[in-house]
Amino acid sequence: MKRIILAASALLISASAVFAQNQPTTANPKVLPMFGKQAKTEAQQMADEKFLTSCDKSFTSRTEASNFFMERGWEYYNEGQADTAVYRFNLAWLLNPDNHNTYWAFGLVEYSKGNSKVAIDMYERALKYQPNNSLLLSDAGTALVSQFNTDKKKKNLKQAAAYLDRAVAIDSANAFALSGLSQVRYHQKKYAEAWDYLHKGRDINMQSLDYNFLAELMVRMPDPKGMFRNEAQPAEQAQ
């Protein structure tokens, strides 16, 4: 195991050196999901083969290698280094295009950048592998709600509702799916139901509460439970 870690570390250092030397002013394909889906030059293809061969010598399988680079990617992402994280996710994807976690990761990064449309595409790729993953469904549904906020296309809201309903059916304690359904009901002008879902999600996990959305909902309808008031501070925060 120690040999694997040391060899993988060497691979990371080598890959990072190449990455650093090729940073143009425009977005580098290496920091775009799936390398930007761009055709690679012969030199790039040879570099990929060299990388894959090195991994074959250092890991017991490409699946193991892919998971290793996914872990490194999350470490960088949690440190706020999104571009470096995506490069690691790309290496994981190169090693195993069937690793659904790579698509999920791409979706999360793109959504955090405000690129809902790209995020949706990535989430739906991941869903082909894990169609009954409640958290993945809620992420996809949330991104679709965000896209609806941008383009107002009813098909996006409809699909968001379908994903979020499935997420809750699979796991009734998925607070983020409940929060997403609150926003769906808001857009459907079903404000009482929106409040109901919001409270259910908040009761399970406070982190699911979107305070910007909360402010919008309070404008449309006061909180039936009286927990949140239309003041400078929500009643809950003032306690």
Protein backbone atom coordinates (compact mmCIF):
# COMPACT_ATOMS: atom_id res chain seq x y z
CA MET A 1 0.00 0.00 0.00
CA LYS A 2 2.89 2.33 0.87
CA ARG A 3 4.39 1.70 -2.58
CA ILE A 4 1.08 2.59 -4.20
CA ILE A 5 0.78 5.86 -2.27
CA LEU A 6 4.37 6.87 -3.04
CA ALA A 7 4.00 6.02 -6.71
CA ALA A 8 0.69 7.86 -6.91
CA SER A 9 2.24 10.89 -5.23
CA ALA A 10 4.94 10.89 -7.87
CA LEU A 11 2.29 10.74 -10.57
CA LEU A 12 0.49 13.69 -9.01
CA ILE A 13 3.69 15.74 -8.86
CA SER A 14 4.50 14.94 -12.47
CA ALA A 15 0.96 15.69 -13.66
CA SER A 16 0.86 18.93 -11.67
CA ALA A 17 4.12 20.08 -13.21
CA VAL A 18 2.75 19.63 -16.70
CA PHE A 19 -0.49 21.30 -15.63
CA ALA A 20 1.37 24.34 -14.25
CA GLN A 21 3.44 24.74 -17.40
CA ASN A 22 0.39 24.83 -19.61
CA GLN A 23 -1.79 27.47 -17.98
CA PRO A 24 -3.11 29.78 -20.77
CA THR A 25 -5.17 32.90 -20.21
CA THR A 26 -8.28 31.07 -21.46
CA ALA A 27 -9.75 28.07 -19.67
CA ASN A 28 -7.42 25.09 -19.88
CA PRO A 29 -9.26 21.92 -21.00
CA LYS A 30 -7.64 20.18 -18.04
CA VAL A 31 -9.83 22.16 -15.65
CA LEU A 32 -13.03 21.57 -17.63
CA PRO A 33 -15.22 18.48 -17.08
CA MET A 34 -14.07 15.60 -19.26
CA PHE A 35 -11.23 17.79 -20.50
CA GLY A 36 -13.77 20.07 -22.16
CA LYS A 37 -14.84 17.19 -24.44
CA GLN A 38 -12.22 18.44 -26.88
CA ALA A 39 -10.34 16.31 -29.39
CA LYS A 40 -6.80 15.69 -28.19
CA THR A 41 -3.61 16.12 -30.15
CA GLU A 42 -1.33 13.17 -30.78
CA ALA A 43 1.05 14.46 -28.10
CA GLN A 44 -1.78 14.70 -25.58
CA GLN A 45 -2.93 11.19 -26.40
CA MET A 46 0.60 9.91 -25.87
CA ALA A 47 0.76 11.71 -22.53
CA ASP A 48 -2.52 10.06 -21.52
CA GLU A 49 -1.19 6.63 -22.44
CA LYS A 50 1.97 7.27 -20.42
CA PHE A 51 -0.14 8.29 -17.43
CA LEU A 52 -2.39 5.23 -17.73
CA THR A 53 0.59 2.89 -18.06
CA SER A 54 2.17 4.42 -14.94
CA CYS A 55 -1.07 3.90 -13.02
CA ASP A 56 -1.29 0.30 -14.21
CA LYS A 57 2.11 -0.29 -12.61
CA SER A 58 1.22 1.50 -9.36
CA PHE A 59 -2.33 0.28 -8.63
CA THR A 60 -3.98 -3.11 -8.60
CA SER A 61 -6.63 -1.85 -11.03
CA ARG A 62 -7.73 1.28 -12.85
CA THR A 63 -10.83 1.34 -10.67
CA GLU A 64 -8.62 1.66 -7.60
CA ALA A 65 -6.55 4.34 -9.31
CA SER A 66 -9.68 6.24 -10.33
CA ASN A 67 -10.96 6.22 -6.75
CA PHE A 68 -7.59 7.44 -5.50
CA PHE A 69 -7.66 10.48 -7.77
CA MET A 70 -11.28 11.15 -6.83
CA GLU A 71 -10.21 11.35 -3.18
CA ARG A 72 -7.41 13.77 -4.03
CA GLY A 73 -9.87 15.83 -6.02
CA TRP A 74 -12.23 16.18 -3.07
CA GLU A 75 -9.34 17.22 -0.86
CA TYR A 76 -8.51 20.08 -3.22
CA TYR A 77 -12.17 20.99 -3.66
CA ASN A 78 -12.67 21.23 0.10
CA GLU A 79 -9.62 23.52 0.24
CA GLY A 80 -11.25 25.85 -2.28
CA GLN A 81 -9.01 24.84 -5.19
CA ALA A 82 -11.74 24.02 -7.69
CA ASP A 83 -9.58 23.98 -10.84
CA THR A 84 -7.01 21.63 -9.33
CA ALA A 85 -9.86 19.46 -8.06
CA VAL A 86 -11.42 19.21 -11.52
CA TYR A 87 -8.06 18.19 -12.98
CA ARG A 88 -7.92 15.32 -10.48
CA PHE A 89 -11.52 14.38 -11.31
CA ASN A 90 -10.53 14.37 -14.98
CA LEU A 91 -7.70 11.96 -14.25
CA ALA A 92 -10.16 9.75 -12.36
CA TRP A 93 -12.53 9.89 -15.34
CA LEU A 94 -9.69 9.07 -17.76
CA LEU A 95 -8.86 6.01 -15.69
CA ASN A 96 -12.48 4.86 -15.45
CA PRO A 97 -15.15 6.55 -17.60
CA ASP A 98 -17.74 4.38 -15.82
CA ASN A 99 -16.97 5.93 -12.44
CA HIS A 100 -20.27 7.70 -11.85
CA ASN A 101 -18.72 9.76 -9.05
CA THR A 102 -16.66 11.68 -11.60
CA TYR A 103 -19.81 12.98 -13.31
CA TRP A 104 -21.39 13.76 -9.96
CA ALA A 105 -18.28 15.70 -8.94
CA PHE A 106 -18.23 17.61 -12.22
CA GLY A 107 -21.86 18.52 -11.61
CA LEU A 108 -21.24 19.80 -8.11
CA VAL A 109 -18.30 21.94 -9.22
CA GLU A 110 -20.16 23.41 -12.18
CA TYR A 111 -23.22 24.12 -10.05
CA SER A 112 -21.06 25.92 -7.49
CA LYS A 113 -19.80 28.10 -10.35
CA GLY A 114 -23.35 28.95 -11.39
CA ASN A 115 -23.27 26.75 -14.50
CA SER A 116 -26.56 24.96 -13.86
CA LYS A 117 -26.99 23.75 -17.44
CA VAL A 118 -23.63 21.98 -17.49
CA ALA A 119 -24.25 20.64 -13.99
CA ILE A 120 -27.56 19.10 -15.08
CA ASP A 121 -25.86 17.31 -17.97
CA MET A 122 -23.26 15.86 -15.60
CA TYR A 123 -25.80 14.81 -12.98
CA GLU A 124 -27.87 13.05 -15.62
CA ARG A 125 -24.80 11.17 -16.83
CA ALA A 126 -24.25 10.01 -13.25
CA LEU A 127 -27.92 9.03 -12.90
CA LYS A 128 -27.55 6.57 -15.76
CA TYR A 129 -25.33 4.56 -13.41
CA GLN A 130 -27.22 5.22 -10.17
CA PRO A 131 -30.83 6.13 -11.00
CA ASN A 132 -32.01 5.52 -7.43
CA ASN A 133 -29.41 7.55 -5.56
CA SER A 134 -31.49 9.95 -3.46
CA LEU A 135 -28.75 12.54 -2.92
CA LEU A 136 -27.80 12.53 -6.60
CA LEU A 137 -31.45 12.97 -7.56
CA SER A 138 -31.79 15.91 -5.18
CA ASP A 139 -28.67 17.56 -6.62
CA ALA A 140 -30.04 17.15 -10.14
CA GLY A 141 -33.43 18.49 -9.09
CA THR A 142 -31.90 21.50 -7.35
CA ALA A 143 -29.86 22.34 -10.45
CA LEU A 144 -33.00 22.15 -12.58
CA VAL A 145 -34.81 24.55 -10.25
CA SER A 146 -31.86 26.92 -10.61
CA GLN A 147 -32.00 26.58 -14.40
CA PHE A 148 -35.74 27.31 -14.31
CA ASN A 149 -34.98 30.51 -12.41
CA THR A 150 -32.79 31.49 -15.36
CA ASP A 151 -34.77 30.42 -18.41
CA LYS A 152 -38.35 29.99 -17.03
CA LYS A 153 -38.81 26.84 -19.08
CA LYS A 154 -41.61 24.79 -17.54
CA LYS A 155 -40.02 21.53 -18.65
CA ASN A 156 -37.12 22.20 -16.28
CA LEU A 157 -39.44 22.75 -13.33
CA LYS A 158 -41.40 19.62 -14.26
CA GLN A 159 -38.24 17.52 -14.42
CA ALA A 160 -37.00 19.05 -11.17
CA ALA A 161 -40.21 17.99 -9.44
CA ALA A 162 -39.88 14.46 -10.85
CA TYR A 163 -36.32 14.06 -9.60
CA LEU A 164 -37.06 15.55 -6.19
CA ASP A 165 -40.21 13.47 -5.70
CA ARG A 166 -38.18 10.34 -6.49
CA ALA A 167 -35.45 11.43 -4.10
CA VAL A 168 -37.95 11.79 -1.24
CA ALA A 169 -39.67 8.51 -2.14
CA ILE A 170 -36.31 6.75 -1.82
CA ASP A 171 -35.24 8.63 1.32
CA SER A 172 -37.87 10.61 3.18
CA ALA A 173 -35.11 12.14 5.35
CA ASN A 174 -33.34 13.78 2.40
CA ALA A 175 -33.53 17.38 3.65
CA PHE A 176 -32.10 18.83 0.46
CA ALA A 177 -34.75 17.14 -1.66
CA LEU A 178 -37.44 18.53 0.65
CA SER A 179 -35.88 21.99 0.36
CA GLY A 180 -35.89 21.63 -3.41
CA LEU A 181 -39.54 20.65 -3.42
CA SER A 182 -40.26 23.75 -1.36
CA GLN A 183 -38.88 25.84 -4.20
CA VAL A 184 -40.82 23.85 -6.79
CA ARG A 185 -44.08 24.48 -4.91
CA TYR A 186 -43.17 28.17 -4.62
CA HIS A 187 -42.87 28.44 -8.40
CA GLN A 188 -46.17 26.58 -8.72
CA LYS A 189 -47.65 29.25 -6.41
CA LYS A 190 -48.51 26.62 -3.83
CA TYR A 191 -47.09 28.63 -0.96
CA ALA A 192 -48.58 26.66 1.92
CA GLU A 193 -47.01 23.48 0.56
CA ALA A 194 -43.75 25.35 0.03
CA TRP A 195 -43.71 26.26 3.72
CA ASP A 196 -44.51 22.69 4.70
CA TYR A 197 -41.58 21.28 2.71
CA LEU A 198 -39.27 24.04 3.92
CA HIS A 199 -40.00 23.23 7.57
CA LYS A 200 -39.64 19.49 7.03
CA GLY A 201 -36.24 19.97 5.44
CA ARG A 202 -35.12 22.46 8.08
CA ASP A 203 -36.17 20.14 10.89
CA ILE A 204 -33.98 17.37 9.47
CA ASN A 205 -30.95 19.43 8.50
CA MET A 206 -30.53 23.16 9.09
CA GLN A 207 -28.00 23.34 6.25
CA SER A 208 -30.77 22.68 3.75
CA LEU A 209 -32.32 26.07 4.53
CA ASP A 210 -31.73 28.66 1.81
CA TYR A 211 -32.17 32.07 3.46
CA ASN A 212 -32.44 33.91 0.15
CA PHE A 213 -35.33 31.68 -0.86
CA LEU A 214 -36.81 32.02 2.63
CA ALA A 215 -36.96 35.79 2.19
CA GLU A 216 -38.75 35.39 -1.16
CA LEU A 217 -41.27 32.96 0.31
CA MET A 218 -42.06 35.27 3.24
CA VAL A 219 -42.99 38.01 0.77
CA ARG A 220 -45.57 35.70 -0.81
CA MET A 221 -46.94 34.24 2.39
CA PRO A 222 -46.17 34.61 6.12
CA ASP A 223 -44.79 31.54 7.85
CA PRO A 224 -47.86 29.56 9.04
CA LYS A 225 -45.85 28.32 12.02
CA GLY A 226 -44.65 31.80 12.93
CA MET A 227 -41.09 30.57 13.24
CA PHE A 228 -39.81 33.02 10.63
CA ARG A 229 -40.92 36.64 10.57
CA ASN A 230 -40.52 39.23 7.84
CA GLU A 231 -37.99 41.26 9.80
CA ALA A 232 -34.30 42.07 9.46
CA GLN A 233 -33.50 38.78 11.21
CA PRO A 234 -35.51 35.55 11.08
CA ALA A 235 -37.03 34.77 14.48
CA GLU A 236 -35.01 31.57 14.60
CA GLN A 237 -31.72 33.42 14.29
CA ALA A 238 -32.71 35.99 16.90
CA GLN A 239 -33.21 33.35 19.57
